Amino acid sequence: LRIDDVDASDDYLLLSDRANRVLLYSLRTGDVLERYFGDRVSLSRASGLFSMQTEEGKLVLFDLASRRRIQEYSFPGRIRSTFSKDGKRLFVLTAQQQAYLLEVPPRTTATK
């Protein structure tokens, strides 16, 4: 397992590796709660949300506690993203050096 990034919030730990996997663990139990295929994970402690690139140019926003998809976005090429400190906005930068500032939907809009 070659780890690229690790971040934690409350009971949750998000780990991404070089095999294009993102693992969500419970810190309390040590159990793997969810496995995703993707990379370039960004976590917001303030909003309880995380995002990841699931394929080139596709950014998916998830609710951390429910693990439900909230929103999907498409961009040209590879991307990097980070949340604002308050978790209400998501800054996205593409490989073509285009920048986007997205308003994050409230957690109550989470769907399966």
PDB file of N, CA and C in Angstrom:
ATOM      1  N   LEU A   1       0.852  -1.178   0.000  1.00  0.00           N
ATOM      2  CA  LEU A   1       0.000   0.000   0.000  1.00  0.00           C
ATOM      3  C   LEU A   1       0.898   1.242   0.000  1.00  0.00           C
ATOM      4  N   ARG A   2       0.798   2.038  -1.050  1.00  0.00           N
ATOM      5  CA  ARG A   2       1.571   3.278  -1.144  1.00  0.00           C
ATOM      6  C   ARG A   2       0.620   4.441  -0.963  1.00  0.00           C
ATOM      7  N   ILE A   3       0.734   5.108   0.162  1.00  0.00           N
ATOM      8  CA  ILE A   3      -0.203   6.161   0.548  1.00  0.00           C
ATOM      9  C   ILE A   3       0.185   7.487  -0.102  1.00  0.00           C
ATOM     10  N   ASP A   4      -0.807   8.141  -0.696  1.00  0.00           N
ATOM     11  CA  ASP A   4      -0.623   9.475  -1.264  1.00  0.00           C
ATOM     12  C   ASP A   4      -1.027  10.558  -0.275  1.00  0.00           C
ATOM     13  N   ASP A   5      -2.154  10.341   0.406  1.00  0.00           N
ATOM     14  CA  ASP A   5      -2.685  11.388   1.270  1.00  0.00           C
ATOM     15  C   ASP A   5      -3.542  10.774   2.362  1.00  0.00           C
ATOM     16  N   VAL A   6      -3.559  11.416   3.531  1.00  0.00           N
ATOM     17  CA  VAL A   6      -4.389  11.003   4.657  1.00  0.00           C
ATOM     18  C   VAL A   6      -4.952  12.255   5.310  1.00  0.00           C
ATOM     19  N   ASP A   7      -6.234  12.196   5.671  1.00  0.00           N
ATOM     20  CA  ASP A   7      -6.870  13.303   6.387  1.00  0.00           C
ATOM     21  C   ASP A   7      -7.915  12.714   7.308  1.00  0.00           C
ATOM     22  N   ALA A   8      -8.192  13.391   8.430  1.00  0.00           N
ATOM     23  CA  ALA A   8      -9.145  12.878   9.406  1.00  0.00           C
ATOM     24  C   ALA A   8     -10.041  13.990   9.916  1.00  0.00           C
ATOM     25  N   SER A   9     -11.260  13.583  10.289  1.00  0.00           N
ATOM     26  CA  SER A   9     -12.232  14.493  10.885  1.00  0.00           C
ATOM     27  C   SER A   9     -13.167  13.673  11.755  1.00  0.00           C
ATOM     28  N   ASP A  10     -13.337  14.089  12.999  1.00  0.00           N
ATOM     29  CA  ASP A  10     -14.185  13.361  13.960  1.00  0.00           C
ATOM     30  C   ASP A  10     -13.774  11.887  13.999  1.00  0.00           C
ATOM     31  N   ASP A  11     -14.697  10.990  13.700  1.00  0.00           N
ATOM     32  CA  ASP A  11     -14.423   9.550  13.751  1.00  0.00           C
ATOM     33  C   ASP A  11     -13.894   9.003  12.428  1.00  0.00           C
ATOM     34  N   TYR A  12     -13.663   9.842  11.442  1.00  0.00           N
ATOM     35  CA  TYR A  12     -13.368   9.367  10.093  1.00  0.00           C
ATOM     36  C   TYR A  12     -11.933   9.665   9.668  1.00  0.00           C
ATOM     37  N   LEU A  13     -11.364   8.706   8.941  1.00  0.00           N
ATOM     38  CA  LEU A  13     -10.052   8.877   8.345  1.00  0.00           C
ATOM     39  C   LEU A  13     -10.177   8.534   6.863  1.00  0.00           C
ATOM     40  N   LEU A  14      -9.744   9.448   6.009  1.00  0.00           N
ATOM     41  CA  LEU A  14      -9.726   9.232   4.557  1.00  0.00           C
ATOM     42  C   LEU A  14      -8.289   9.007   4.120  1.00  0.00           C
ATOM     43  N   LEU A  15      -8.068   7.934   3.395  1.00  0.00           N
ATOM     44  CA  LEU A  15      -6.733   7.585   2.931  1.00  0.00           C
ATOM     45  C   LEU A  15      -6.806   7.351   1.428  1.00  0.00           C
ATOM     46  N   SER A  16      -5.929   7.981   0.680  1.00  0.00           N
ATOM     47  CA  SER A  16      -5.843   7.705  -0.755  1.00  0.00           C
ATOM     48  C   SER A  16      -4.465   7.116  -1.044  1.00  0.00           C
ATOM     49  N   ASP A  17      -4.458   6.152  -1.984  1.00  0.00           N
ATOM     50  CA  ASP A  17      -3.198   5.495  -2.312  1.00  0.00           C
ATOM     51  C   ASP A  17      -2.896   5.608  -3.800  1.00  0.00           C
ATOM     52  N   ARG A  18      -1.759   5.072  -4.206  1.00  0.00           N
ATOM     53  CA  ARG A  18      -1.313   5.198  -5.601  1.00  0.00           C
ATOM     54  C   ARG A  18      -1.988   4.195  -6.532  1.00  0.00           C
ATOM     55  N   ALA A  19      -2.872   3.373  -6.006  1.00  0.00           N
ATOM     56  CA  ALA A  19      -3.618   2.417  -6.831  1.00  0.00           C
ATOM     57  C   ALA A  19      -4.999   2.977  -7.174  1.00  0.00           C
ATOM     58  N   ASN A  20      -5.153   4.300  -7.070  1.00  0.00           N
ATOM     59  CA  ASN A  20      -6.401   4.971  -7.409  1.00  0.00           C
ATOM     60  C   ASN A  20      -7.547   4.545  -6.491  1.00  0.00           C
ATOM     61  N   ARG A  21      -7.226   4.313  -5.217  1.00  0.00           N
ATOM     62  CA  ARG A  21      -8.240   3.935  -4.240  1.00  0.00           C
ATOM     63  C   ARG A  21      -8.315   4.983  -3.151  1.00  0.00           C
ATOM     64  N   VAL A  22      -9.530   5.171  -2.644  1.00  0.00           N
ATOM     65  CA  VAL A  22      -9.759   6.015  -1.481  1.00  0.00           C
ATOM     66  C   VAL A  22     -10.498   5.152  -0.469  1.00  0.00           C
ATOM     67  N   LEU A  23      -9.942   5.054   0.722  1.00  0.00           N
ATOM     68  CA  LEU A  23     -10.539   4.236   1.774  1.00  0.00           C
ATOM     69  C   LEU A  23     -11.013   5.142   2.904  1.00  0.00           C
ATOM     70  N   LEU A  24     -12.232   4.896   3.377  1.00  0.00           N
ATOM     71  CA  LEU A  24     -12.794   5.630   4.502  1.00  0.00           C
ATOM     72  C   LEU A  24     -12.843   4.690   5.695  1.00  0.00           C
ATOM     73  N   TYR A  25     -12.136   5.051   6.770  1.00  0.00           N
ATOM     74  CA  TYR A  25     -12.054   4.239   7.980  1.00  0.00           C
ATOM     75  C   TYR A  25     -12.795   4.913   9.128  1.00  0.00           C
ATOM     76  N   SER A  26     -13.259   4.103  10.062  1.00  0.00           N
ATOM     77  CA  SER A  26     -13.733   4.601  11.350  1.00  0.00           C
ATOM     78  C   SER A  26     -12.537   4.589  12.294  1.00  0.00           C
ATOM     79  N   LEU A  27     -12.208   5.722  12.881  1.00  0.00           N
ATOM     80  CA  LEU A  27     -11.101   5.768  13.839  1.00  0.00           C
ATOM     81  C   LEU A  27     -11.462   5.036  15.131  1.00  0.00           C
ATOM     82  N   ARG A  28     -12.733   5.042  15.465  1.00  0.00           N
ATOM     83  CA  ARG A  28     -13.195   4.392  16.698  1.00  0.00           C
ATOM     84  C   ARG A  28     -13.054   2.879  16.627  1.00  0.00           C
ATOM     85  N   THR A  29     -13.474   2.276  15.483  1.00  0.00           N
ATOM     86  CA  THR A  29     -13.460   0.814  15.375  1.00  0.00           C
ATOM     87  C   THR A  29     -12.306   0.280  14.533  1.00  0.00           C
ATOM     88  N   GLY A  30     -11.734   1.119  13.680  1.00  0.00           N
ATOM     89  CA  GLY A  30     -10.686   0.661  12.767  1.00  0.00           C
ATOM     90  C   GLY A  30     -11.234   0.002  11.514  1.00  0.00           C
ATOM     91  N   ASP A  31     -12.555  -0.087  11.394  1.00  0.00           N
ATOM     92  CA  ASP A  31     -13.184  -0.732  10.240  1.00  0.00           C
ATOM     93  C   ASP A  31     -13.097   0.138   8.989  1.00  0.00           C
ATOM     94  N   VAL A  32     -12.999  -0.508   7.837  1.00  0.00           N
ATOM     95  CA  VAL A  32     -13.135   0.184   6.556  1.00  0.00           C
ATOM     96  C   VAL A  32     -14.632   0.364   6.328  1.00  0.00           C
ATOM     97  N   LEU A  33     -15.083   1.615   6.246  1.00  0.00           N
ATOM     98  CA  LEU A  33     -16.495   1.908   6.061  1.00  0.00           C
ATOM     99  C   LEU A  33     -16.889   1.950   4.593  1.00  0.00           C
ATOM    100  N   GLU A  34     -15.948   2.361   3.744  1.00  0.00           N
ATOM    101  CA  GLU A  34     -16.260   2.501   2.326  1.00  0.00           C
ATOM    102  C   GLU A  34     -14.971   2.462   1.518  1.00  0.00           C
ATOM    103  N   ARG A  35     -15.082   1.936   0.301  1.00  0.00           N
ATOM    104  CA  ARG A  35     -13.976   1.931  -0.660  1.00  0.00           C
ATOM    105  C   ARG A  35     -14.454   2.651  -1.911  1.00  0.00           C
ATOM    106  N   TYR A  36     -13.633   3.556  -2.409  1.00  0.00           N
ATOM    107  CA  TYR A  36     -13.952   4.307  -3.623  1.00  0.00           C
ATOM    108  C   TYR A  36     -12.799   4.166  -4.599  1.00  0.00           C
ATOM    109  N   PHE A  37     -13.090   4.381  -5.865  1.00  0.00           N
ATOM    110  CA  PHE A  37     -12.044   4.500  -6.862  1.00  0.00           C
ATOM    111  C   PHE A  37     -11.931   5.975  -7.210  1.00  0.00           C
ATOM    112  N   GLY A  38     -10.754   6.537  -6.992  1.00  0.00           N
ATOM    113  CA  GLY A  38     -10.531   7.946  -7.251  1.00  0.00           C
ATOM    114  C   GLY A  38      -9.229   8.405  -6.623  1.00  0.00           C
ATOM    115  N   ASP A  39      -9.010   9.703  -6.711  1.00  0.00           N
ATOM    116  CA  ASP A  39      -7.814  10.300  -6.128  1.00  0.00           C
ATOM    117  C   ASP A  39      -8.072  11.780  -5.878  1.00  0.00           C
ATOM    118  N   ARG A  40      -7.060  12.469  -5.422  1.00  0.00           N
ATOM    119  CA  ARG A  40      -7.109  13.914  -5.183  1.00  0.00           C
ATOM    120  C   ARG A  40      -8.263  14.294  -4.259  1.00  0.00           C
ATOM    121  N   VAL A  41      -8.236  13.713  -3.083  1.00  0.00           N
ATOM    122  CA  VAL A  41      -9.293  13.899  -2.091  1.00  0.00           C
ATOM    123  C   VAL A  41      -9.100  15.214  -1.345  1.00  0.00           C
ATOM    124  N   SER A  42     -10.222  15.880  -1.070  1.00  0.00           N
ATOM    125  CA  SER A  42     -10.228  17.088  -0.247  1.00  0.00           C
ATOM    126  C   SER A  42     -11.324  16.923   0.803  1.00  0.00           C
ATOM    127  N   LEU A  43     -11.016  17.224   2.062  1.00  0.00           N
ATOM    128  CA  LEU A  43     -11.937  17.031   3.184  1.00  0.00           C
ATOM    129  C   LEU A  43     -12.210  18.364   3.859  1.00  0.00           C
ATOM    130  N   SER A  44     -13.485  18.613   4.178  1.00  0.00           N
ATOM    131  CA  SER A  44     -13.859  19.805   4.934  1.00  0.00           C
ATOM    132  C   SER A  44     -14.390  19.398   6.300  1.00  0.00           C
ATOM    133  N   ARG A  45     -13.655  19.724   7.340  1.00  0.00           N
ATOM    134  CA  ARG A  45     -14.124  19.458   8.696  1.00  0.00           C
ATOM    135  C   ARG A  45     -15.337  20.324   9.035  1.00  0.00           C
ATOM    136  N   ALA A  46     -15.350  21.542   8.522  1.00  0.00           N
ATOM    137  CA  ALA A  46     -16.424  22.492   8.835  1.00  0.00           C
ATOM    138  C   ALA A  46     -17.777  22.040   8.292  1.00  0.00           C
ATOM    139  N   SER A  47     -17.788  21.480   7.084  1.00  0.00           N
ATOM    140  CA  SER A  47     -19.061  21.097   6.472  1.00  0.00           C
ATOM    141  C   SER A  47     -19.350  19.604   6.571  1.00  0.00           C
ATOM    142  N   GLY A  48     -18.352  18.803   6.926  1.00  0.00           N
ATOM    143  CA  GLY A  48     -18.553  17.358   6.968  1.00  0.00           C
ATOM    144  C   GLY A  48     -18.667  16.746   5.584  1.00  0.00           C
ATOM    145  N   LEU A  49     -18.012  17.370   4.608  1.00  0.00           N
ATOM    146  CA  LEU A  49     -18.054  16.904   3.231  1.00  0.00           C
ATOM    147  C   LEU A  49     -16.642  16.562   2.752  1.00  0.00           C
ATOM    148  N   PHE A  50     -16.564  15.727   1.710  1.00  0.00           N
ATOM    149  CA  PHE A  50     -15.292  15.515   1.040  1.00  0.00           C
ATOM    150  C   PHE A  50     -15.538  15.387  -0.452  1.00  0.00           C
ATOM    151  N   SER A  51     -14.490  15.664  -1.215  1.00  0.00           N
ATOM    152  CA  SER A  51     -14.576  15.555  -2.667  1.00  0.00           C
ATOM    153  C   SER A  51     -13.410  14.722  -3.152  1.00  0.00           C
ATOM    154  N   MET A  52     -13.602  14.139  -4.338  1.00  0.00           N
ATOM    155  CA  MET A  52     -12.511  13.402  -4.967  1.00  0.00           C
ATOM    156  C   MET A  52     -12.708  13.412  -6.474  1.00  0.00           C
ATOM    157  N   GLN A  53     -11.613  13.260  -7.176  1.00  0.00           N
ATOM    158  CA  GLN A  53     -11.660  13.087  -8.625  1.00  0.00           C
ATOM    159  C   GLN A  53     -11.863  11.595  -8.871  1.00  0.00           C
ATOM    160  N   THR A  54     -12.979  11.223  -9.512  1.00  0.00           N
ATOM    161  CA  THR A  54     -13.269   9.806  -9.747  1.00  0.00           C
ATOM    162  C   THR A  54     -12.762   9.328 -11.099  1.00  0.00           C
ATOM    163  N   GLU A  55     -12.608  10.228 -12.016  1.00  0.00           N
ATOM    164  CA  GLU A  55     -11.963   9.977 -13.300  1.00  0.00           C
ATOM    165  C   GLU A  55     -11.494  11.329 -13.794  1.00  0.00           C
ATOM    166  N   GLU A  56     -10.718  11.350 -14.856  1.00  0.00           N
ATOM    167  CA  GLU A  56     -10.147  12.621 -15.295  1.00  0.00           C
ATOM    168  C   GLU A  56     -11.238  13.662 -15.531  1.00  0.00           C
ATOM    169  N   GLY A  57     -11.146  14.759 -14.792  1.00  0.00           N
ATOM    170  CA  GLY A  57     -12.075  15.869 -14.945  1.00  0.00           C
ATOM    171  C   GLY A  57     -13.400  15.727 -14.231  1.00  0.00           C
ATOM    172  N   LYS A  58     -13.638  14.622 -13.546  1.00  0.00           N
ATOM    173  CA  LYS A  58     -14.910  14.436 -12.842  1.00  0.00           C
ATOM    174  C   LYS A  58     -14.685  14.541 -11.336  1.00  0.00           C
ATOM    175  N   LEU A  59     -15.328  15.533 -10.730  1.00  0.00           N
ATOM    176  CA  LEU A  59     -15.228  15.775  -9.291  1.00  0.00           C
ATOM    177  C   LEU A  59     -16.560  15.389  -8.657  1.00  0.00           C
ATOM    178  N   VAL A  60     -16.502  14.562  -7.616  1.00  0.00           N
ATOM    179  CA  VAL A  60     -17.703  14.131  -6.923  1.00  0.00           C
ATOM    180  C   VAL A  60     -17.619  14.591  -5.472  1.00  0.00           C
ATOM    181  N   LEU A  61     -18.729  15.151  -4.997  1.00  0.00           N
ATOM    182  CA  LEU A  61     -18.844  15.668  -3.634  1.00  0.00           C
ATOM    183  C   LEU A  61     -19.662  14.678  -2.812  1.00  0.00           C
ATOM    184  N   PHE A  62     -19.149  14.298  -1.629  1.00  0.00           N
ATOM    185  CA  PHE A  62     -19.795  13.320  -0.756  1.00  0.00           C
ATOM    186  C   PHE A  62     -20.050  13.913   0.627  1.00  0.00           C
ATOM    187  N   ASP A  63     -21.097  13.406   1.279  1.00  0.00           N
ATOM    188  CA  ASP A  63     -21.337  13.668   2.691  1.00  0.00           C
ATOM    189  C   ASP A  63     -20.524  12.636   3.472  1.00  0.00           C
ATOM    190  N   LEU A  64     -19.708  13.076   4.406  1.00  0.00           N
ATOM    191  CA  LEU A  64     -18.803  12.184   5.126  1.00  0.00           C
ATOM    192  C   LEU A  64     -19.552  11.181   6.004  1.00  0.00           C
ATOM    193  N   ALA A  65     -20.529  11.629   6.782  1.00  0.00           N
ATOM    194  CA  ALA A  65     -21.222  10.746   7.719  1.00  0.00           C
ATOM    195  C   ALA A  65     -22.097   9.711   7.010  1.00  0.00           C
ATOM    196  N   SER A  66     -22.846  10.141   6.010  1.00  0.00           N
ATOM    197  CA  SER A  66     -23.756   9.218   5.316  1.00  0.00           C
ATOM    198  C   SER A  66     -23.081   8.506   4.154  1.00  0.00           C
ATOM    199  N   ARG A  67     -21.956   9.065   3.682  1.00  0.00           N
ATOM    200  CA  ARG A  67     -21.202   8.531   2.544  1.00  0.00           C
ATOM    201  C   ARG A  67     -21.997   8.613   1.243  1.00  0.00           C
ATOM    202  N   ARG A  68     -22.975   9.483   1.197  1.00  0.00           N
ATOM    203  CA  ARG A  68     -23.798   9.648   0.002  1.00  0.00           C
ATOM    204  C   ARG A  68     -23.218  10.704  -0.928  1.00  0.00           C
ATOM    205  N   ARG A  69     -23.409  10.480  -2.225  1.00  0.00           N
ATOM    206  CA  ARG A  69     -23.035  11.480  -3.231  1.00  0.00           C
ATOM    207  C   ARG A  69     -23.987  12.659  -3.114  1.00  0.00           C
ATOM    208  N   ILE A  70     -23.421  13.856  -3.157  1.00  0.00           N
ATOM    209  CA  ILE A  70     -24.241  15.058  -3.116  1.00  0.00           C
ATOM    210  C   ILE A  70     -24.299  15.708  -4.485  1.00  0.00           C
ATOM    211  N   GLN A  71     -23.156  15.792  -5.151  1.00  0.00           N
ATOM    212  CA  GLN A  71     -23.090  16.521  -6.411  1.00  0.00           C
ATOM    213  C   GLN A  71     -21.929  15.988  -7.242  1.00  0.00           C
ATOM    214  N   GLU A  72     -22.050  16.086  -8.571  1.00  0.00           N
ATOM    215  CA  GLU A  72     -20.956  15.768  -9.486  1.00  0.00           C
ATOM    216  C   GLU A  72     -20.708  16.973 -10.381  1.00  0.00           C
ATOM    217  N   TYR A  73     -19.439  17.194 -10.691  1.00  0.00           N
ATOM    218  CA  TYR A  73     -19.033  18.303 -11.557  1.00  0.00           C
ATOM    219  C   TYR A  73     -18.083  17.758 -12.613  1.00  0.00           C
ATOM    220  N   SER A  74     -18.105  18.347 -13.800  1.00  0.00           N
ATOM    221  CA  SER A  74     -17.186  17.958 -14.878  1.00  0.00           C
ATOM    222  C   SER A  74     -16.323  19.146 -15.276  1.00  0.00           C
ATOM    223  N   PHE A  75     -15.040  18.876 -15.488  1.00  0.00           N
ATOM    224  CA  PHE A  75     -14.061  19.893 -15.858  1.00  0.00           C
ATOM    225  C   PHE A  75     -13.181  19.348 -16.974  1.00  0.00           C
ATOM    226  N   PRO A  76     -12.516  20.226 -17.705  1.00  0.00           N
ATOM    227  CA  PRO A  76     -11.593  19.760 -18.738  1.00  0.00           C
ATOM    228  C   PRO A  76     -10.271  19.305 -18.105  1.00  0.00           C
ATOM    229  N   GLY A  77      -9.958  18.042 -18.193  1.00  0.00           N
ATOM    230  CA  GLY A  77      -8.664  17.536 -17.723  1.00  0.00           C
ATOM    231  C   GLY A  77      -8.583  17.285 -16.228  1.00  0.00           C
ATOM    232  N   ARG A  78      -7.373  16.990 -15.765  1.00  0.00           N
ATOM    233  CA  ARG A  78      -7.099  16.691 -14.347  1.00  0.00           C
ATOM    234  C   ARG A  78      -7.379  17.916 -13.493  1.00  0.00           C
ATOM    235  N   ILE A  79      -7.722  17.668 -12.235  1.00  0.00           N
ATOM    236  CA  ILE A  79      -8.088  18.763 -11.330  1.00  0.00           C
ATOM    237  C   ILE A  79      -7.489  18.564  -9.946  1.00  0.00           C
ATOM    238  N   ARG A  80      -7.421  19.649  -9.226  1.00  0.00           N
ATOM    239  CA  ARG A  80      -7.134  19.687  -7.792  1.00  0.00           C
ATOM    240  C   ARG A  80      -8.218  20.534  -7.155  1.00  0.00           C
ATOM    241  N   SER A  81      -8.606  20.197  -5.940  1.00  0.00           N
ATOM    242  CA  SER A  81      -9.645  20.985  -5.268  1.00  0.00           C
ATOM    243  C   SER A  81      -9.337  21.113  -3.794  1.00  0.00           C
ATOM    244  N   THR A  82      -9.868  22.178  -3.203  1.00  0.00           N
ATOM    245  CA  THR A  82      -9.761  22.385  -1.763  1.00  0.00           C
ATOM    246  C   THR A  82     -10.964  23.200  -1.298  1.00  0.00           C
ATOM    247  N   PHE A  83     -11.413  22.916  -0.092  1.00  0.00           N
ATOM    248  CA  PHE A  83     -12.545  23.626   0.486  1.00  0.00           C
ATOM    249  C   PHE A  83     -12.097  24.920   1.154  1.00  0.00           C
ATOM    250  N   SER A  84     -13.019  25.890   1.219  1.00  0.00           N
ATOM    251  CA  SER A  84     -12.782  27.081   2.029  1.00  0.00           C
ATOM    252  C   SER A  84     -12.819  26.664   3.504  1.00  0.00           C
ATOM    253  N   LYS A  85     -12.290  27.499   4.385  1.00  0.00           N
ATOM    254  CA  LYS A  85     -12.250  27.154   5.814  1.00  0.00           C
ATOM    255  C   LYS A  85     -13.629  26.884   6.395  1.00  0.00           C
ATOM    256  N   ASP A  86     -14.643  27.631   5.919  1.00  0.00           N
ATOM    257  CA  ASP A  86     -16.000  27.431   6.437  1.00  0.00           C
ATOM    258  C   ASP A  86     -16.732  26.286   5.741  1.00  0.00           C
ATOM    259  N   GLY A  87     -16.126  25.670   4.718  1.00  0.00           N
ATOM    260  CA  GLY A  87     -16.707  24.535   4.034  1.00  0.00           C
ATOM    261  C   GLY A  87     -17.846  24.872   3.097  1.00  0.00           C
ATOM    262  N   LYS A  88     -18.075  26.140   2.825  1.00  0.00           N
ATOM    263  CA  LYS A  88     -19.203  26.549   1.987  1.00  0.00           C
ATOM    264  C   LYS A  88     -18.843  26.711   0.514  1.00  0.00           C
ATOM    265  N   ARG A  89     -17.551  26.707   0.216  1.00  0.00           N
ATOM    266  CA  ARG A  89     -17.085  26.869  -1.165  1.00  0.00           C
ATOM    267  C   ARG A  89     -15.980  25.848  -1.450  1.00  0.00           C
ATOM    268  N   LEU A  90     -15.881  25.499  -2.717  1.00  0.00           N
ATOM    269  CA  LEU A  90     -14.869  24.558  -3.156  1.00  0.00           C
ATOM    270  C   LEU A  90     -14.099  25.208  -4.304  1.00  0.00           C
ATOM    271  N   PHE A  91     -12.795  25.348  -4.124  1.00  0.00           N
ATOM    272  CA  PHE A  91     -11.929  25.930  -5.143  1.00  0.00           C
ATOM    273  C   PHE A  91     -11.369  24.790  -5.986  1.00  0.00           C
ATOM    274  N   VAL A  92     -11.507  24.906  -7.299  1.00  0.00           N
ATOM    275  CA  VAL A  92     -11.038  23.866  -8.222  1.00  0.00           C
ATOM    276  C   VAL A  92     -10.074  24.495  -9.221  1.00  0.00           C
ATOM    277  N   LEU A  93      -8.939  23.843  -9.414  1.00  0.00           N
ATOM    278  CA  LEU A  93      -7.953  24.273 -10.402  1.00  0.00           C
ATOM    279  C   LEU A  93      -7.738  23.123 -11.381  1.00  0.00           C
ATOM    280  N   THR A  94      -7.830  23.419 -12.679  1.00  0.00           N
ATOM    281  CA  THR A  94      -7.648  22.382 -13.696  1.00  0.00           C
ATOM    282  C   THR A  94      -6.199  22.362 -14.185  1.00  0.00           C
ATOM    283  N   ALA A  95      -5.850  21.298 -14.905  1.00  0.00           N
ATOM    284  CA  ALA A  95      -4.514  21.175 -15.489  1.00  0.00           C
ATOM    285  C   ALA A  95      -4.261  22.274 -16.514  1.00  0.00           C
ATOM    286  N   GLN A  96      -5.331  22.849 -17.074  1.00  0.00           N
ATOM    287  CA  GLN A  96      -5.205  23.943 -18.029  1.00  0.00           C
ATOM    288  C   GLN A  96      -5.133  25.304 -17.340  1.00  0.00           C
ATOM    289  N   GLN A  97      -4.991  25.288 -16.023  1.00  0.00           N
ATOM    290  CA  GLN A  97      -4.868  26.476 -15.181  1.00  0.00           C
ATOM    291  C   GLN A  97      -6.126  27.344 -15.199  1.00  0.00           C
ATOM    292  N   GLN A  98      -7.276  26.694 -15.336  1.00  0.00           N
ATOM    293  CA  GLN A  98      -8.553  27.375 -15.165  1.00  0.00           C
ATOM    294  C   GLN A  98      -8.969  27.189 -13.712  1.00  0.00           C
ATOM    295  N   ALA A  99      -9.455  28.264 -13.103  1.00  0.00           N
ATOM    296  CA  ALA A  99      -9.877  28.212 -11.702  1.00  0.00           C
ATOM    297  C   ALA A  99     -11.386  28.386 -11.606  1.00  0.00           C
ATOM    298  N   TYR A 100     -11.988  27.644 -10.693  1.00  0.00           N
ATOM    299  CA  TYR A 100     -13.424  27.699 -10.449  1.00  0.00           C
ATOM    300  C   TYR A 100     -13.664  27.813  -8.949  1.00  0.00           C
ATOM    301  N   LEU A 101     -14.674  28.564  -8.570  1.00  0.00           N
ATOM    302  CA  LEU A 101     -15.107  28.649  -7.180  1.00  0.00           C
ATOM    303  C   LEU A 101     -16.564  28.213  -7.140  1.00  0.00           C
ATOM    304  N   LEU A 102     -16.823  27.071  -6.497  1.00  0.00           N
ATOM    305  CA  LEU A 102     -18.157  26.483  -6.465  1.00  0.00           C
ATOM    306  C   LEU A 102     -18.806  26.700  -5.107  1.00  0.00           C
ATOM    307  N   GLU A 103     -20.075  27.032  -5.110  1.00  0.00           N
ATOM    308  CA  GLU A 103     -20.851  27.072  -3.872  1.00  0.00           C
ATOM    309  C   GLU A 103     -21.220  25.629  -3.539  1.00  0.00           C
ATOM    310  N   VAL A 104     -20.935  25.196  -2.327  1.00  0.00           N
ATOM    311  CA  VAL A 104     -21.201  23.819  -1.918  1.00  0.00           C
ATOM    312  C   VAL A 104     -22.661  23.710  -1.472  1.00  0.00           C
ATOM    313  N   PRO A 105     -23.398  22.723  -2.010  1.00  0.00           N
ATOM    314  CA  PRO A 105     -24.791  22.550  -1.569  1.00  0.00           C
ATOM    315  C   PRO A 105     -24.845  22.105  -0.117  1.00  0.00           C
ATOM    316  N   PRO A 106     -25.907  22.437   0.589  1.00  0.00           N
ATOM    317  CA  PRO A 106     -26.034  22.001   2.000  1.00  0.00           C
ATOM    318  C   PRO A 106     -26.114  20.489   2.104  1.00  0.00           C
ATOM    319  N   ARG A 107     -25.701  19.948   3.226  1.00  0.00           N
ATOM    320  CA  ARG A 107     -25.684  18.498   3.436  1.00  0.00           C
ATOM    321  C   ARG A 107     -27.064  17.863   3.344  1.00  0.00           C
ATOM    322  N   THR A 108     -28.111  18.615   3.580  1.00  0.00           N
ATOM    323  CA  THR A 108     -29.470  18.060   3.568  1.00  0.00           C
ATOM    324  C   THR A 108     -29.904  17.633   2.186  1.00  0.00           C
ATOM    325  N   THR A 109     -29.152  17.986   1.145  1.00  0.00           N
ATOM    326  CA  THR A 109     -29.530  17.599  -0.227  1.00  0.00           C
ATOM    327  C   THR A 109     -28.941  16.252  -0.624  1.00  0.00           C
ATOM    328  N   ALA A 110     -28.260  15.581   0.308  1.00  0.00           N
ATOM    329  CA  ALA A 110     -27.622  14.307  -0.025  1.00  0.00           C
ATOM    330  C   ALA A 110     -28.647  13.280  -0.499  1.00  0.00           C
ATOM    331  N   THR A 111     -28.300  12.574  -1.580  1.00  0.00           N
ATOM    332  CA  THR A 111     -29.153  11.522  -2.120  1.00  0.00           C
ATOM    333  C   THR A 111     -28.331  10.271  -2.341  1.00  0.00           C
ATOM    334  N   LYS A 112     -29.007   9.138  -2.453  1.00  0.00           N
ATOM    335  CA  LYS A 112     -28.301   7.886  -2.704  1.00  0.00           C
ATOM    336  C   LYS A 112     -27.908   7.757  -4.136  1.00  0.00           C
TER     337      LYS A 112
END
